[in-house]
Protein backbone atom coordinates (compact mmCIF):
# COMPACT_ATOMS: atom_id res chain seq x y z
CA MET A 1 -15.89 16.79 -1.05
CA VAL A 2 -14.94 13.13 -1.38
CA HIS A 3 -15.50 11.35 -4.72
CA HIS A 4 -14.51 7.99 -6.17
CA LEU A 5 -14.19 6.32 -9.55
CA THR A 6 -13.49 2.76 -10.63
CA ILE A 7 -11.40 2.71 -13.78
CA THR A 8 -11.22 -0.41 -15.95
CA LEU A 9 -7.88 -0.52 -17.74
CA GLY A 10 -7.72 -0.94 -21.49
CA ALA A 11 -5.11 -2.63 -23.66
CA THR A 12 -3.05 0.59 -23.69
CA ALA A 13 -2.50 3.40 -21.17
CA THR A 14 -5.79 4.53 -19.61
CA ALA A 15 -6.46 7.92 -18.01
CA ALA A 16 -7.36 7.81 -14.30
CA SER A 17 -10.44 9.88 -15.17
CA PRO A 18 -12.43 10.11 -18.41
CA SER A 19 -12.65 13.92 -18.11
CA ARG A 20 -10.91 16.88 -16.48
CA VAL A 21 -11.22 16.58 -12.70
CA PRO A 22 -9.24 18.94 -10.46
CA ALA A 23 -8.42 17.44 -7.07
CA ARG A 24 -6.45 18.45 -4.00
CA GLU A 25 -5.56 14.83 -3.21
CA VAL A 26 -5.77 11.61 -5.23
CA TRP A 27 -5.54 8.02 -3.94
CA LEU A 28 -5.03 5.11 -6.36
CA GLU A 29 -5.55 1.48 -5.40
CA SER A 30 -5.40 -1.67 -7.54
CA GLU A 31 -7.87 -4.44 -6.73
CA THR A 32 -6.50 -7.44 -4.86
CA GLY A 33 -5.42 -10.28 -7.13
CA ASN A 34 -4.64 -8.06 -10.09
CA ALA A 35 -1.19 -7.36 -11.47
CA ASP A 36 0.91 -4.30 -10.72
CA VAL A 37 -0.03 -1.03 -12.46
CA LYS A 38 2.50 1.36 -13.98
CA ILE A 39 1.70 5.06 -13.43
CA GLY A 40 2.89 7.93 -15.59
CA ASP A 41 1.78 10.37 -18.26
CA SER A 42 0.17 9.58 -21.61
CA THR A 43 3.42 7.97 -22.81
CA VAL A 44 3.62 5.40 -19.97
CA THR A 45 4.80 1.93 -21.03
CA SER A 46 5.81 -1.24 -19.22
CA THR A 47 9.43 -0.02 -19.20
CA ASN A 48 8.92 3.77 -19.09
CA TYR A 49 6.86 4.86 -16.09
CA GLY A 50 6.97 7.09 -13.04
CA LYS A 51 5.75 4.76 -10.26
CA ILE A 52 4.50 1.21 -9.77
CA LEU A 53 1.24 0.58 -7.91
CA THR A 54 1.39 -2.93 -6.51
CA ALA A 55 -1.84 -4.94 -6.31
CA GLY A 56 -3.86 -4.94 -3.11
CA PRO A 57 -5.79 -2.51 -0.95
CA THR A 58 -2.93 -1.80 1.46
CA ASN A 59 -0.70 -0.50 -1.32
CA ALA A 60 -2.44 2.74 -2.27
CA ILE A 61 -0.46 5.60 -3.78
CA VAL A 62 -1.33 9.17 -2.79
CA PHE A 63 -0.77 12.26 -4.92
CA ARG A 64 -0.84 15.70 -3.29
CA PRO A 65 0.20 18.98 -4.90
CA PRO A 66 3.11 20.67 -3.09
CA ASP A 67 0.97 23.77 -2.49
CA GLY A 68 -2.46 23.22 -0.92
CA ASN A 69 -3.93 25.87 -3.23
CA LEU A 70 -3.07 23.89 -6.36
CA ALA A 71 -5.01 21.03 -7.89
CA ILE A 72 -4.05 17.85 -9.70
CA ASN A 73 -5.92 17.17 -12.94
CA ILE A 74 -6.74 13.46 -12.60
CA GLU A 75 -7.15 12.94 -16.36
CA THR A 76 -3.39 13.61 -16.78
CA ILE A 77 -2.52 10.54 -14.66
CA TYR A 78 -2.25 7.44 -16.86
CA LEU A 79 -2.38 3.81 -15.77
CA LEU A 80 -1.02 0.75 -17.54
CA GLY A 81 -1.70 -2.80 -16.39
CA THR A 82 -3.61 -5.89 -17.41
CA GLN A 83 -6.59 -5.24 -19.70
CA ASN A 84 -9.89 -5.18 -17.73
CA GLN A 85 -8.01 -4.73 -14.45
CA LYS A 86 -9.77 -2.34 -12.06
CA VAL A 87 -8.16 0.60 -10.29
CA HIS A 88 -10.03 2.57 -7.64
CA VAL A 89 -9.56 6.33 -7.58
CA LEU A 90 -10.49 8.30 -4.46
CA TYR A 91 -10.16 12.07 -4.67
CA PHE A 92 -10.89 15.21 -2.68
CA ASN A 93 -11.67 18.59 -4.18
């Protein structure tokens, strides 16, 4: 099934989901006009991150587990950007 969330970033790192959500594929997209978003684990900072999601709908980042039988827990993906910035999360499970 296809699901989506809109996450509003806080002043510190914000989980990509407020609860445990297993997914086979996760797409992240930052709204146009917002700043870049740093992606990592719960320790993500502006200088310590795994990937940068640039602003705009054509710059989505896709996460897929290496084995199709595995799932990604979306709440373990953390986002850091401008407070009140919106990130769209599309996922399949």
